[in-house]
Amino acid sequence: MTMTYSTITAKGQVTLPAELRRKLGLRPGARVAIREVQGTVVIDPPPDMTTVRARARAEMEAANTWGTVIESGAWAGEAAQKVTRGQS
């Protein structure tokens, strides 16, 4: 792993080297997660949508809610009105 250095500005900003941004697919405006692990700053790129979907499905399967639709509150009423009006 190549070590690169960056300077922290008076505003606390750090510029990620261009090579690293390209490697991680980071574009201007991208949000990253920043965390501290045993005195080290770790910057995580945003997860891709496949990862997000897999995590959401795993959480729903663990809660035994995968594949279920909750029909309560305003959503159910709105859906019923669309059916009555012939909309889908």
PDB file of N, CA and C in Angstrom:
ATOM      1  N   MET A   1       0.843  -1.183   0.000  1.00  0.00           N
ATOM      2  CA  MET A   1       0.000   0.000   0.000  1.00  0.00           C
ATOM      3  C   MET A   1       0.881   1.236   0.000  1.00  0.00           C
ATOM      4  N   THR A   2       0.603   2.162  -0.901  1.00  0.00           N
ATOM      5  CA  THR A   2       1.366   3.398  -1.003  1.00  0.00           C
ATOM      6  C   THR A   2       0.856   4.392   0.029  1.00  0.00           C
ATOM      7  N   MET A   3       1.773   5.007   0.745  1.00  0.00           N
ATOM      8  CA  MET A   3       1.411   6.008   1.752  1.00  0.00           C
ATOM      9  C   MET A   3       1.407   7.374   1.086  1.00  0.00           C
ATOM     10  N   THR A   4       0.320   8.104   1.241  1.00  0.00           N
ATOM     11  CA  THR A   4       0.249   9.480   0.757  1.00  0.00           C
ATOM     12  C   THR A   4      -0.148  10.366   1.922  1.00  0.00           C
ATOM     13  N   TYR A   5       0.198  11.620   1.823  1.00  0.00           N
ATOM     14  CA  TYR A   5      -0.086  12.560   2.900  1.00  0.00           C
ATOM     15  C   TYR A   5      -0.909  13.717   2.380  1.00  0.00           C
ATOM     16  N   SER A   6      -1.722  14.279   3.257  1.00  0.00           N
ATOM     17  CA  SER A   6      -2.544  15.429   2.948  1.00  0.00           C
ATOM     18  C   SER A   6      -2.506  16.355   4.150  1.00  0.00           C
ATOM     19  N   THR A   7      -2.720  17.626   3.917  1.00  0.00           N
ATOM     20  CA  THR A   7      -2.679  18.622   4.987  1.00  0.00           C
ATOM     21  C   THR A   7      -4.100  18.995   5.404  1.00  0.00           C
ATOM     22  N   ILE A   8      -4.305  19.128   6.692  1.00  0.00           N
ATOM     23  CA  ILE A   8      -5.601  19.562   7.215  1.00  0.00           C
ATOM     24  C   ILE A   8      -5.629  21.085   7.181  1.00  0.00           C
ATOM     25  N   THR A   9      -6.684  21.658   6.574  1.00  0.00           N
ATOM     26  CA  THR A   9      -6.805  23.106   6.484  1.00  0.00           C
ATOM     27  C   THR A   9      -7.299  23.683   7.805  1.00  0.00           C
ATOM     28  N   ALA A  10      -7.313  25.013   7.899  1.00  0.00           N
ATOM     29  CA  ALA A  10      -7.815  25.688   9.095  1.00  0.00           C
ATOM     30  C   ALA A  10      -9.287  25.354   9.349  1.00  0.00           C
ATOM     31  N   LYS A  11     -10.018  24.995   8.301  1.00  0.00           N
ATOM     32  CA  LYS A  11     -11.427  24.620   8.433  1.00  0.00           C
ATOM     33  C   LYS A  11     -11.591  23.136   8.745  1.00  0.00           C
ATOM     34  N   GLY A  12     -10.490  22.396   8.878  1.00  0.00           N
ATOM     35  CA  GLY A  12     -10.567  20.979   9.174  1.00  0.00           C
ATOM     36  C   GLY A  12     -10.779  20.113   7.939  1.00  0.00           C
ATOM     37  N   GLN A  13     -10.571  20.674   6.760  1.00  0.00           N
ATOM     38  CA  GLN A  13     -10.776  19.939   5.521  1.00  0.00           C
ATOM     39  C   GLN A  13      -9.508  19.218   5.095  1.00  0.00           C
ATOM     40  N   VAL A  14      -9.710  18.064   4.457  1.00  0.00           N
ATOM     41  CA  VAL A  14      -8.598  17.267   3.942  1.00  0.00           C
ATOM     42  C   VAL A  14      -8.907  16.932   2.492  1.00  0.00           C
ATOM     43  N   THR A  15      -7.923  17.045   1.621  1.00  0.00           N
ATOM     44  CA  THR A  15      -8.099  16.666   0.231  1.00  0.00           C
ATOM     45  C   THR A  15      -7.602  15.243   0.040  1.00  0.00           C
ATOM     46  N   LEU A  16      -8.467  14.388  -0.502  1.00  0.00           N
ATOM     47  CA  LEU A  16      -8.057  13.023  -0.806  1.00  0.00           C
ATOM     48  C   LEU A  16      -7.286  13.044  -2.121  1.00  0.00           C
ATOM     49  N   PRO A  17      -6.158  12.368  -2.189  1.00  0.00           N
ATOM     50  CA  PRO A  17      -5.375  12.354  -3.431  1.00  0.00           C
ATOM     51  C   PRO A  17      -6.209  11.840  -4.611  1.00  0.00           C
ATOM     52  N   ALA A  18      -5.971  12.419  -5.806  1.00  0.00           N
ATOM     53  CA  ALA A  18      -6.738  12.082  -7.010  1.00  0.00           C
ATOM     54  C   ALA A  18      -6.686  10.587  -7.302  1.00  0.00           C
ATOM     55  N   GLU A  19      -5.537   9.962  -7.144  1.00  0.00           N
ATOM     56  CA  GLU A  19      -5.398   8.527  -7.433  1.00  0.00           C
ATOM     57  C   GLU A  19      -6.341   7.711  -6.543  1.00  0.00           C
ATOM     58  N   LEU A  20      -6.428   8.077  -5.282  1.00  0.00           N
ATOM     59  CA  LEU A  20      -7.303   7.370  -4.346  1.00  0.00           C
ATOM     60  C   LEU A  20      -8.773   7.599  -4.690  1.00  0.00           C
ATOM     61  N   ARG A  21      -9.122   8.850  -5.045  1.00  0.00           N
ATOM     62  CA  ARG A  21     -10.509   9.146  -5.431  1.00  0.00           C
ATOM     63  C   ARG A  21     -10.911   8.333  -6.656  1.00  0.00           C
ATOM     64  N   ARG A  22     -10.025   8.245  -7.633  1.00  0.00           N
ATOM     65  CA  ARG A  22     -10.322   7.448  -8.834  1.00  0.00           C
ATOM     66  C   ARG A  22     -10.485   5.977  -8.482  1.00  0.00           C
ATOM     67  N   LYS A  23      -9.577   5.455  -7.673  1.00  0.00           N
ATOM     68  CA  LYS A  23      -9.610   4.039  -7.296  1.00  0.00           C
ATOM     69  C   LYS A  23     -10.913   3.678  -6.585  1.00  0.00           C
ATOM     70  N   LEU A  24     -11.417   4.578  -5.741  1.00  0.00           N
ATOM     71  CA  LEU A  24     -12.632   4.330  -4.971  1.00  0.00           C
ATOM     72  C   LEU A  24     -13.899   4.799  -5.681  1.00  0.00           C
ATOM     73  N   GLY A  25     -13.743   5.428  -6.848  1.00  0.00           N
ATOM     74  CA  GLY A  25     -14.906   5.901  -7.596  1.00  0.00           C
ATOM     75  C   GLY A  25     -15.599   7.080  -6.949  1.00  0.00           C
ATOM     76  N   LEU A  26     -14.852   7.906  -6.225  1.00  0.00           N
ATOM     77  CA  LEU A  26     -15.433   9.058  -5.538  1.00  0.00           C
ATOM     78  C   LEU A  26     -15.483  10.251  -6.481  1.00  0.00           C
ATOM     79  N   ARG A  27     -16.616  10.882  -6.555  1.00  0.00           N
ATOM     80  CA  ARG A  27     -16.834  12.039  -7.419  1.00  0.00           C
ATOM     81  C   ARG A  27     -17.136  13.251  -6.538  1.00  0.00           C
ATOM     82  N   PRO A  28     -16.998  14.464  -7.081  1.00  0.00           N
ATOM     83  CA  PRO A  28     -17.347  15.659  -6.303  1.00  0.00           C
ATOM     84  C   PRO A  28     -18.781  15.557  -5.781  1.00  0.00           C
ATOM     85  N   GLY A  29     -18.961  15.865  -4.525  1.00  0.00           N
ATOM     86  CA  GLY A  29     -20.279  15.802  -3.892  1.00  0.00           C
ATOM     87  C   GLY A  29     -20.591  14.460  -3.252  1.00  0.00           C
ATOM     88  N   ALA A  30     -19.747  13.447  -3.480  1.00  0.00           N
ATOM     89  CA  ALA A  30     -19.984  12.128  -2.879  1.00  0.00           C
ATOM     90  C   ALA A  30     -19.848  12.234  -1.362  1.00  0.00           C
ATOM     91  N   ARG A  31     -20.681  11.511  -0.655  1.00  0.00           N
ATOM     92  CA  ARG A  31     -20.598  11.476   0.807  1.00  0.00           C
ATOM     93  C   ARG A  31     -19.799  10.251   1.204  1.00  0.00           C
ATOM     94  N   VAL A  32     -18.960  10.399   2.199  1.00  0.00           N
ATOM     95  CA  VAL A  32     -18.174   9.291   2.721  1.00  0.00           C
ATOM     96  C   VAL A  32     -18.423   9.180   4.213  1.00  0.00           C
ATOM     97  N   ALA A  33     -18.216   7.994   4.748  1.00  0.00           N
ATOM     98  CA  ALA A  33     -18.348   7.779   6.190  1.00  0.00           C
ATOM     99  C   ALA A  33     -16.959   7.934   6.809  1.00  0.00           C
ATOM    100  N   ILE A  34     -16.885   8.658   7.900  1.00  0.00           N
ATOM    101  CA  ILE A  34     -15.614   8.864   8.599  1.00  0.00           C
ATOM    102  C   ILE A  34     -15.786   8.352  10.019  1.00  0.00           C
ATOM    103  N   ARG A  35     -14.878   7.490  10.429  1.00  0.00           N
ATOM    104  CA  ARG A  35     -14.955   6.926  11.776  1.00  0.00           C
ATOM    105  C   ARG A  35     -13.557   6.778  12.347  1.00  0.00           C
ATOM    106  N   GLU A  36     -13.513   6.621  13.652  1.00  0.00           N
ATOM    107  CA  GLU A  36     -12.247   6.431  14.365  1.00  0.00           C
ATOM    108  C   GLU A  36     -12.197   4.996  14.858  1.00  0.00           C
ATOM    109  N   VAL A  37     -11.095   4.330  14.579  1.00  0.00           N
ATOM    110  CA  VAL A  37     -10.890   2.959  15.033  1.00  0.00           C
ATOM    111  C   VAL A  37      -9.536   2.892  15.714  1.00  0.00           C
ATOM    112  N   GLN A  38      -9.539   2.768  17.028  1.00  0.00           N
ATOM    113  CA  GLN A  38      -8.315   2.656  17.829  1.00  0.00           C
ATOM    114  C   GLN A  38      -7.288   3.729  17.476  1.00  0.00           C
ATOM    115  N   GLY A  39      -7.738   4.977  17.435  1.00  0.00           N
ATOM    116  CA  GLY A  39      -6.838   6.099  17.190  1.00  0.00           C
ATOM    117  C   GLY A  39      -6.500   6.349  15.738  1.00  0.00           C
ATOM    118  N   THR A  40      -7.129   5.627  14.817  1.00  0.00           N
ATOM    119  CA  THR A  40      -6.886   5.802  13.389  1.00  0.00           C
ATOM    120  C   THR A  40      -8.157   6.297  12.724  1.00  0.00           C
ATOM    121  N   VAL A  41      -8.038   7.272  11.837  1.00  0.00           N
ATOM    122  CA  VAL A  41      -9.185   7.774  11.092  1.00  0.00           C
ATOM    123  C   VAL A  41      -9.390   6.879   9.873  1.00  0.00           C
ATOM    124  N   VAL A  42     -10.614   6.388   9.707  1.00  0.00           N
ATOM    125  CA  VAL A  42     -10.950   5.526   8.582  1.00  0.00           C
ATOM    126  C   VAL A  42     -12.023   6.228   7.760  1.00  0.00           C
ATOM    127  N   ILE A  43     -11.800   6.327   6.458  1.00  0.00           N
ATOM    128  CA  ILE A  43     -12.771   6.930   5.543  1.00  0.00           C
ATOM    129  C   ILE A  43     -13.311   5.813   4.662  1.00  0.00           C
ATOM    130  N   ASP A  44     -14.610   5.592   4.744  1.00  0.00           N
ATOM    131  CA  ASP A  44     -15.243   4.540   3.959  1.00  0.00           C
ATOM    132  C   ASP A  44     -16.008   5.145   2.791  1.00  0.00           C
ATOM    133  N   PRO A  45     -15.815   4.614   1.584  1.00  0.00           N
ATOM    134  CA  PRO A  45     -16.613   5.090   0.452  1.00  0.00           C
ATOM    135  C   PRO A  45     -18.059   4.647   0.633  1.00  0.00           C
ATOM    136  N   PRO A  46     -18.984   5.324  -0.044  1.00  0.00           N
ATOM    137  CA  PRO A  46     -20.383   4.905   0.083  1.00  0.00           C
ATOM    138  C   PRO A  46     -20.569   3.505  -0.495  1.00  0.00           C
ATOM    139  N   PRO A  47     -21.454   2.708   0.109  1.00  0.00           N
ATOM    140  CA  PRO A  47     -21.697   1.366  -0.428  1.00  0.00           C
ATOM    141  C   PRO A  47     -22.447   1.465  -1.750  1.00  0.00           C
ATOM    142  N   ASP A  48     -22.234   0.499  -2.632  1.00  0.00           N
ATOM    143  CA  ASP A  48     -23.006   0.487  -3.873  1.00  0.00           C
ATOM    144  C   ASP A  48     -24.422  -0.013  -3.565  1.00  0.00           C
ATOM    145  N   MET A  49     -25.346   0.189  -4.486  1.00  0.00           N
ATOM    146  CA  MET A  49     -26.749  -0.151  -4.235  1.00  0.00           C
ATOM    147  C   MET A  49     -26.954  -1.645  -4.024  1.00  0.00           C
ATOM    148  N   THR A  50     -26.135  -2.470  -4.657  1.00  0.00           N
ATOM    149  CA  THR A  50     -26.255  -3.916  -4.458  1.00  0.00           C
ATOM    150  C   THR A  50     -26.003  -4.262  -2.998  1.00  0.00           C
ATOM    151  N   THR A  51     -24.995  -3.637  -2.406  1.00  0.00           N
ATOM    152  CA  THR A  51     -24.674  -3.866  -1.006  1.00  0.00           C
ATOM    153  C   THR A  51     -25.794  -3.369  -0.105  1.00  0.00           C
ATOM    154  N   VAL A  52     -26.334  -2.201  -0.416  1.00  0.00           N
ATOM    155  CA  VAL A  52     -27.422  -1.633   0.387  1.00  0.00           C
ATOM    156  C   VAL A  52     -28.647  -2.543   0.331  1.00  0.00           C
ATOM    157  N   ARG A  53     -28.996  -3.009  -0.868  1.00  0.00           N
ATOM    158  CA  ARG A  53     -30.161  -3.887  -1.007  1.00  0.00           C
ATOM    159  C   ARG A  53     -29.956  -5.203  -0.256  1.00  0.00           C
ATOM    160  N   ALA A  54     -28.749  -5.766  -0.365  1.00  0.00           N
ATOM    161  CA  ALA A  54     -28.466  -7.032   0.329  1.00  0.00           C
ATOM    162  C   ALA A  54     -28.563  -6.855   1.837  1.00  0.00           C
ATOM    163  N   ARG A  55     -28.048  -5.747   2.351  1.00  0.00           N
ATOM    164  CA  ARG A  55     -28.122  -5.491   3.785  1.00  0.00           C
ATOM    165  C   ARG A  55     -29.570  -5.317   4.234  1.00  0.00           C
ATOM    166  N   ALA A  56     -30.363  -4.574   3.447  1.00  0.00           N
ATOM    167  CA  ALA A  56     -31.772  -4.366   3.795  1.00  0.00           C
ATOM    168  C   ALA A  56     -32.532  -5.690   3.789  1.00  0.00           C
ATOM    169  N   ARG A  57     -32.269  -6.519   2.770  1.00  0.00           N
ATOM    170  CA  ARG A  57     -32.960  -7.808   2.705  1.00  0.00           C
ATOM    171  C   ARG A  57     -32.583  -8.691   3.893  1.00  0.00           C
ATOM    172  N   ALA A  58     -31.291  -8.720   4.238  1.00  0.00           N
ATOM    173  CA  ALA A  58     -30.844  -9.537   5.375  1.00  0.00           C
ATOM    174  C   ALA A  58     -31.518  -9.077   6.664  1.00  0.00           C
ATOM    175  N   GLU A  59     -31.646  -7.759   6.846  1.00  0.00           N
ATOM    176  CA  GLU A  59     -32.306  -7.239   8.045  1.00  0.00           C
ATOM    177  C   GLU A  59     -33.782  -7.625   8.066  1.00  0.00           C
ATOM    178  N   MET A  60     -34.444  -7.553   6.899  1.00  0.00           N
ATOM    179  CA  MET A  60     -35.862  -7.908   6.845  1.00  0.00           C
ATOM    180  C   MET A  60     -36.064  -9.408   7.038  1.00  0.00           C
ATOM    181  N   GLU A  61     -35.184 -10.211   6.472  1.00  0.00           N
ATOM    182  CA  GLU A  61     -35.294 -11.659   6.670  1.00  0.00           C
ATOM    183  C   GLU A  61     -35.076 -12.016   8.140  1.00  0.00           C
ATOM    184  N   ALA A  62     -34.126 -11.342   8.799  1.00  0.00           N
ATOM    185  CA  ALA A  62     -33.872 -11.602  10.217  1.00  0.00           C
ATOM    186  C   ALA A  62     -35.092 -11.226  11.064  1.00  0.00           C
ATOM    187  N   ALA A  63     -35.807 -10.177  10.639  1.00  0.00           N
ATOM    188  CA  ALA A  63     -37.006  -9.741  11.367  1.00  0.00           C
ATOM    189  C   ALA A  63     -38.252 -10.476  10.887  1.00  0.00           C
ATOM    190  N   ASN A  64     -38.065 -11.413   9.950  1.00  0.00           N
ATOM    191  CA  ASN A  64     -39.162 -12.186   9.375  1.00  0.00           C
ATOM    192  C   ASN A  64     -40.215 -11.294   8.725  1.00  0.00           C
ATOM    193  N   THR A  65     -39.758 -10.217   8.058  1.00  0.00           N
ATOM    194  CA  THR A  65     -40.682  -9.315   7.373  1.00  0.00           C
ATOM    195  C   THR A  65     -40.427  -9.257   5.872  1.00  0.00           C
ATOM    196  N   TRP A  66     -39.465 -10.019   5.352  1.00  0.00           N
ATOM    197  CA  TRP A  66     -39.173  -9.991   3.922  1.00  0.00           C
ATOM    198  C   TRP A  66     -40.374 -10.525   3.141  1.00  0.00           C
ATOM    199  N   GLY A  67     -40.827  -9.762   2.139  1.00  0.00           N
ATOM    200  CA  GLY A  67     -41.940 -10.183   1.300  1.00  0.00           C
ATOM    201  C   GLY A  67     -43.303  -9.834   1.843  1.00  0.00           C
ATOM    202  N   THR A  68     -43.354  -9.103   2.948  1.00  0.00           N
ATOM    203  CA  THR A  68     -44.647  -8.718   3.506  1.00  0.00           C
ATOM    204  C   THR A  68     -44.913  -7.249   3.221  1.00  0.00           C
ATOM    205  N   VAL A  69     -46.167  -6.906   3.111  1.00  0.00           N
ATOM    206  CA  VAL A  69     -46.570  -5.517   2.917  1.00  0.00           C
ATOM    207  C   VAL A  69     -47.480  -5.148   4.071  1.00  0.00           C
ATOM    208  N   ILE A  70     -47.125  -4.103   4.765  1.00  0.00           N
ATOM    209  CA  ILE A  70     -47.943  -3.646   5.884  1.00  0.00           C
ATOM    210  C   ILE A  70     -49.040  -2.753   5.325  1.00  0.00           C
ATOM    211  N   GLU A  71     -50.280  -3.117   5.559  1.00  0.00           N
ATOM    212  CA  GLU A  71     -51.413  -2.344   5.072  1.00  0.00           C
ATOM    213  C   GLU A  71     -52.081  -1.663   6.256  1.00  0.00           C
ATOM    214  N   SER A  72     -51.578  -0.512   6.591  1.00  0.00           N
ATOM    215  CA  SER A  72     -52.166   0.224   7.698  1.00  0.00           C
ATOM    216  C   SER A  72     -51.994   1.709   7.449  1.00  0.00           C
ATOM    217  N   GLY A  73     -52.758   2.490   8.144  1.00  0.00           N
ATOM    218  CA  GLY A  73     -52.619   3.932   8.083  1.00  0.00           C
ATOM    219  C   GLY A  73     -53.022   4.524   6.745  1.00  0.00           C
ATOM    220  N   ALA A  74     -52.444   5.652   6.417  1.00  0.00           N
ATOM    221  CA  ALA A  74     -52.802   6.413   5.223  1.00  0.00           C
ATOM    222  C   ALA A  74     -52.502   5.652   3.943  1.00  0.00           C
ATOM    223  N   TRP A  75     -51.437   4.872   3.928  1.00  0.00           N
ATOM    224  CA  TRP A  75     -51.060   4.157   2.713  1.00  0.00           C
ATOM    225  C   TRP A  75     -52.172   3.223   2.263  1.00  0.00           C
ATOM    226  N   ALA A  76     -52.742   2.466   3.192  1.00  0.00           N
ATOM    227  CA  ALA A  76     -53.810   1.519   2.846  1.00  0.00           C
ATOM    228  C   ALA A  76     -55.036   2.262   2.328  1.00  0.00           C
ATOM    229  N   GLY A  77     -55.365   3.370   2.949  1.00  0.00           N
ATOM    230  CA  GLY A  77     -56.518   4.156   2.511  1.00  0.00           C
ATOM    231  C   GLY A  77     -56.323   4.723   1.120  1.00  0.00           C
ATOM    232  N   GLU A  78     -55.143   5.214   0.838  1.00  0.00           N
ATOM    233  CA  GLU A  78     -54.841   5.765  -0.479  1.00  0.00           C
ATOM    234  C   GLU A  78     -54.884   4.673  -1.545  1.00  0.00           C
ATOM    235  N   ALA A  79     -54.348   3.501  -1.240  1.00  0.00           N
ATOM    236  CA  ALA A  79     -54.370   2.381  -2.188  1.00  0.00           C
ATOM    237  C   ALA A  79     -55.806   1.967  -2.487  1.00  0.00           C
ATOM    238  N   ALA A  80     -56.649   1.931  -1.468  1.00  0.00           N
ATOM    239  CA  ALA A  80     -58.052   1.547  -1.659  1.00  0.00           C
ATOM    240  C   ALA A  80     -58.776   2.564  -2.534  1.00  0.00           C
ATOM    241  N   GLN A  81     -58.475   3.848  -2.373  1.00  0.00           N
ATOM    242  CA  GLN A  81     -59.106   4.892  -3.176  1.00  0.00           C
ATOM    243  C   GLN A  81     -58.704   4.753  -4.641  1.00  0.00           C
ATOM    244  N   LYS A  82     -57.448   4.421  -4.908  1.00  0.00           N
ATOM    245  CA  LYS A  82     -56.994   4.253  -6.291  1.00  0.00           C
ATOM    246  C   LYS A  82     -57.711   3.083  -6.946  1.00  0.00           C
ATOM    247  N   VAL A  83     -57.905   2.008  -6.209  1.00  0.00           N
ATOM    248  CA  VAL A  83     -58.600   0.841  -6.737  1.00  0.00           C
ATOM    249  C   VAL A  83     -60.046   1.224  -7.063  1.00  0.00           C
ATOM    250  N   THR A  84     -60.686   1.983  -6.169  1.00  0.00           N
ATOM    251  CA  THR A  84     -62.066   2.421  -6.353  1.00  0.00           C
ATOM    252  C   THR A  84     -62.200   3.297  -7.592  1.00  0.00           C
ATOM    253  N   ARG A  85     -61.185   4.162  -7.828  1.00  0.00           N
ATOM    254  CA  ARG A  85     -61.220   5.071  -8.974  1.00  0.00           C
ATOM    255  C   ARG A  85     -60.713   4.402 -10.260  1.00  0.00           C
ATOM    256  N   GLY A  86     -60.252   3.147 -10.173  1.00  0.00           N
ATOM    257  CA  GLY A  86     -59.781   2.448 -11.358  1.00  0.00           C
ATOM    258  C   GLY A  86     -58.337   2.761 -11.707  1.00  0.00           C
ATOM    259  N   GLN A  87     -57.591   3.320 -10.788  1.00  0.00           N
ATOM    260  CA  GLN A  87     -56.172   3.613 -11.013  1.00  0.00           C
ATOM    261  C   GLN A  87     -55.332   2.478 -10.457  1.00  0.00           C
ATOM    262  N   SER A  88     -54.101   2.398 -10.926  1.00  0.00           N
ATOM    263  CA  SER A  88     -53.189   1.430 -10.326  1.00  0.00           C
ATOM    264  C   SER A  88     -51.840   2.040 -10.145  1.00  0.00           C
TER     265      SER A  88
END
